[in-house]
Each structure stands twice: as C-alpha cells, then as structure tokens.
C-alpha cells in the first residue's frame, strides 16, 4: 500500500490529459489534436455527469 496520494482534480476535469497521456505508448500525428479532442470530450463528460447528479 505504497500508493501516492492523488492530486485533486481541477474543476471541470474527469480524466486529466497528463495522466491519460501516460497510457499511450506512441501517438502518431499531431499530439495537440489528440489532446484537444480528449479535453473537449472530458469536458462534455463532466457536464453530463453534473447534469445527471443535479437532476436525479
């Protein structure tokens, strides 16, 4: 049980790009495009989750 304490997430983030990037060995093409798409999708997920929490 030598796990490092996790840093608190920034508001509006479910899965930070910095952590998700470590899961990919190699990104072919423009990494910034992948990062932008990841951040857009992550923001949409965050908004959806808050919508569900606030309405139910």
N, C-alpha and C. Protein backbone atom coordinates (compact mmCIF):
# COMPACT_ATOMS: atom_id res chain seq x y z
N UNK A 1 0.82 -1.19 0.00
CA UNK A 1 0.00 0.00 0.00
C UNK A 1 0.86 1.25 0.00
N UNK A 2 1.75 1.33 -0.94
CA UNK A 2 2.61 2.50 -1.07
C UNK A 2 2.11 3.42 -2.17
N UNK A 3 0.81 3.58 -2.26
CA UNK A 3 0.26 4.45 -3.29
C UNK A 3 0.47 5.90 -2.92
N UNK A 4 0.81 6.69 -3.94
CA UNK A 4 0.96 8.13 -3.72
C UNK A 4 -0.43 8.75 -3.60
N UNK A 5 -0.58 9.73 -2.75
CA UNK A 5 -1.88 10.41 -2.71
C UNK A 5 -2.12 11.14 -4.02
N UNK A 6 -3.34 11.02 -4.53
CA UNK A 6 -3.67 11.66 -5.80
C UNK A 6 -3.87 13.15 -5.61
N UNK A 7 -3.46 13.90 -6.62
CA UNK A 7 -3.67 15.34 -6.60
C UNK A 7 -5.15 15.61 -6.85
N UNK A 8 -5.70 16.63 -6.23
CA UNK A 8 -7.10 16.96 -6.52
C UNK A 8 -7.25 17.40 -7.97
N UNK A 9 -8.37 17.03 -8.57
CA UNK A 9 -8.62 17.40 -9.96
C UNK A 9 -9.05 18.84 -10.08
N UNK A 10 -8.72 19.44 -11.21
CA UNK A 10 -9.17 20.79 -11.50
C UNK A 10 -10.68 20.74 -11.74
N UNK A 11 -11.39 21.80 -11.45
CA UNK A 11 -12.82 21.82 -11.76
C UNK A 11 -13.07 21.62 -13.25
N UNK A 12 -14.03 20.78 -13.57
CA UNK A 12 -14.37 20.54 -14.97
C UNK A 12 -13.58 19.42 -15.61
N UNK A 13 -12.83 18.65 -14.82
CA UNK A 13 -11.98 17.59 -15.37
C UNK A 13 -12.31 16.26 -14.70
N UNK A 14 -12.51 15.23 -15.53
CA UNK A 14 -12.72 13.88 -15.00
C UNK A 14 -11.44 13.05 -15.11
N UNK A 15 -10.81 13.12 -16.28
CA UNK A 15 -9.58 12.37 -16.55
C UNK A 15 -8.55 13.33 -17.12
N UNK A 16 -7.61 13.81 -16.33
CA UNK A 16 -6.63 14.78 -16.82
C UNK A 16 -5.78 14.21 -17.97
N UNK A 17 -5.49 15.05 -18.95
CA UNK A 17 -4.69 14.64 -20.10
C UNK A 17 -3.33 14.14 -19.66
N UNK A 18 -2.73 14.76 -18.68
CA UNK A 18 -1.39 14.37 -18.24
C UNK A 18 -1.36 12.91 -17.78
N UNK A 19 -2.41 12.45 -17.12
CA UNK A 19 -2.48 11.05 -16.68
C UNK A 19 -2.85 10.13 -17.84
N UNK A 20 -3.79 10.57 -18.66
CA UNK A 20 -4.23 9.75 -19.79
C UNK A 20 -3.11 9.57 -20.80
N UNK A 21 -2.26 10.57 -20.99
CA UNK A 21 -1.16 10.52 -21.95
C UNK A 21 -0.20 9.39 -21.63
N UNK A 22 -0.03 9.09 -20.36
CA UNK A 22 0.88 8.03 -19.93
C UNK A 22 0.42 6.65 -20.41
N UNK A 23 -0.87 6.51 -20.71
CA UNK A 23 -1.41 5.22 -21.15
C UNK A 23 -1.06 4.91 -22.60
N UNK A 24 -0.71 5.93 -23.38
CA UNK A 24 -0.39 5.74 -24.79
C UNK A 24 1.12 5.60 -24.96
N UNK A 25 1.53 4.56 -25.68
CA UNK A 25 2.96 4.39 -25.94
C UNK A 25 3.44 5.41 -26.97
N UNK A 26 2.68 5.52 -28.05
CA UNK A 26 3.08 6.42 -29.14
C UNK A 26 1.82 7.03 -29.74
N UNK A 27 1.89 8.30 -30.04
CA UNK A 27 0.79 8.97 -30.74
C UNK A 27 1.32 9.38 -32.10
N UNK A 28 0.72 8.83 -33.12
CA UNK A 28 1.13 9.17 -34.49
C UNK A 28 0.36 10.41 -34.91
N UNK A 29 1.05 11.33 -35.49
CA UNK A 29 0.40 12.56 -35.93
C UNK A 29 0.59 13.66 -34.89
N UNK A 30 -0.31 14.61 -34.92
CA UNK A 30 -0.21 15.79 -34.06
C UNK A 30 -0.79 15.50 -32.68
N UNK A 31 0.05 15.47 -31.68
CA UNK A 31 -0.39 15.17 -30.32
C UNK A 31 -1.34 16.24 -29.80
N UNK A 32 -1.17 17.48 -30.24
CA UNK A 32 -2.05 18.56 -29.77
C UNK A 32 -3.49 18.34 -30.21
N UNK A 33 -3.69 17.75 -31.38
CA UNK A 33 -5.05 17.46 -31.85
C UNK A 33 -5.69 16.42 -30.94
N UNK A 34 -4.94 15.38 -30.59
CA UNK A 34 -5.45 14.34 -29.70
C UNK A 34 -5.75 14.94 -28.33
N UNK A 35 -4.86 15.79 -27.84
CA UNK A 35 -5.05 16.43 -26.54
C UNK A 35 -6.31 17.30 -26.55
N UNK A 36 -6.49 18.10 -27.59
CA UNK A 36 -7.67 18.97 -27.68
C UNK A 36 -8.95 18.15 -27.70
N UNK A 37 -8.95 17.06 -28.47
CA UNK A 37 -10.15 16.21 -28.53
C UNK A 37 -10.41 15.54 -27.19
N UNK A 38 -9.37 15.08 -26.54
CA UNK A 38 -9.52 14.47 -25.22
C UNK A 38 -10.11 15.47 -24.23
N UNK A 39 -9.57 16.68 -24.21
CA UNK A 39 -10.05 17.69 -23.28
C UNK A 39 -11.49 18.10 -23.59
N UNK A 40 -11.86 18.17 -24.88
CA UNK A 40 -13.24 18.50 -25.24
C UNK A 40 -14.19 17.41 -24.75
N UNK A 41 -13.83 16.15 -25.03
CA UNK A 41 -14.67 15.03 -24.63
C UNK A 41 -14.77 14.95 -23.11
N UNK A 42 -13.67 15.18 -22.42
CA UNK A 42 -13.65 15.14 -20.96
C UNK A 42 -14.56 16.22 -20.38
N UNK A 43 -14.55 17.39 -20.99
CA UNK A 43 -15.42 18.48 -20.53
C UNK A 43 -16.89 18.11 -20.73
N UNK A 44 -17.21 17.49 -21.87
CA UNK A 44 -18.59 17.06 -22.13
C UNK A 44 -19.02 16.00 -21.12
N UNK A 45 -18.13 15.08 -20.81
CA UNK A 45 -18.43 14.05 -19.80
C UNK A 45 -18.71 14.68 -18.45
N UNK A 46 -17.89 15.63 -18.06
CA UNK A 46 -18.06 16.32 -16.78
C UNK A 46 -19.42 17.01 -16.72
N UNK A 47 -19.77 17.71 -17.79
CA UNK A 47 -21.06 18.41 -17.82
C UNK A 47 -22.22 17.43 -17.77
N UNK A 48 -22.11 16.31 -18.48
CA UNK A 48 -23.16 15.30 -18.46
C UNK A 48 -23.33 14.73 -17.06
N UNK A 49 -22.22 14.42 -16.41
CA UNK A 49 -22.31 13.86 -15.05
C UNK A 49 -22.96 14.83 -14.09
N UNK A 50 -22.61 16.10 -14.18
CA UNK A 50 -23.23 17.10 -13.30
C UNK A 50 -24.71 17.26 -13.62
N UNK A 51 -25.07 17.16 -14.87
CA UNK A 51 -26.48 17.23 -15.25
C UNK A 51 -27.25 16.08 -14.60
N UNK A 52 -26.70 14.88 -14.66
CA UNK A 52 -27.36 13.72 -14.07
C UNK A 52 -27.45 13.85 -12.55
N UNK A 53 -26.40 14.31 -11.93
CA UNK A 53 -26.38 14.46 -10.47
C UNK A 53 -27.38 15.52 -10.03
N UNK A 54 -27.46 16.61 -10.75
CA UNK A 54 -28.31 17.71 -10.33
C UNK A 54 -29.80 17.47 -10.63
N UNK A 55 -30.10 16.58 -11.56
CA UNK A 55 -31.50 16.34 -11.91
C UNK A 55 -32.09 15.09 -11.27
N UNK A 56 -31.28 14.22 -10.75
CA UNK A 56 -31.82 12.97 -10.18
C UNK A 56 -31.36 12.76 -8.78
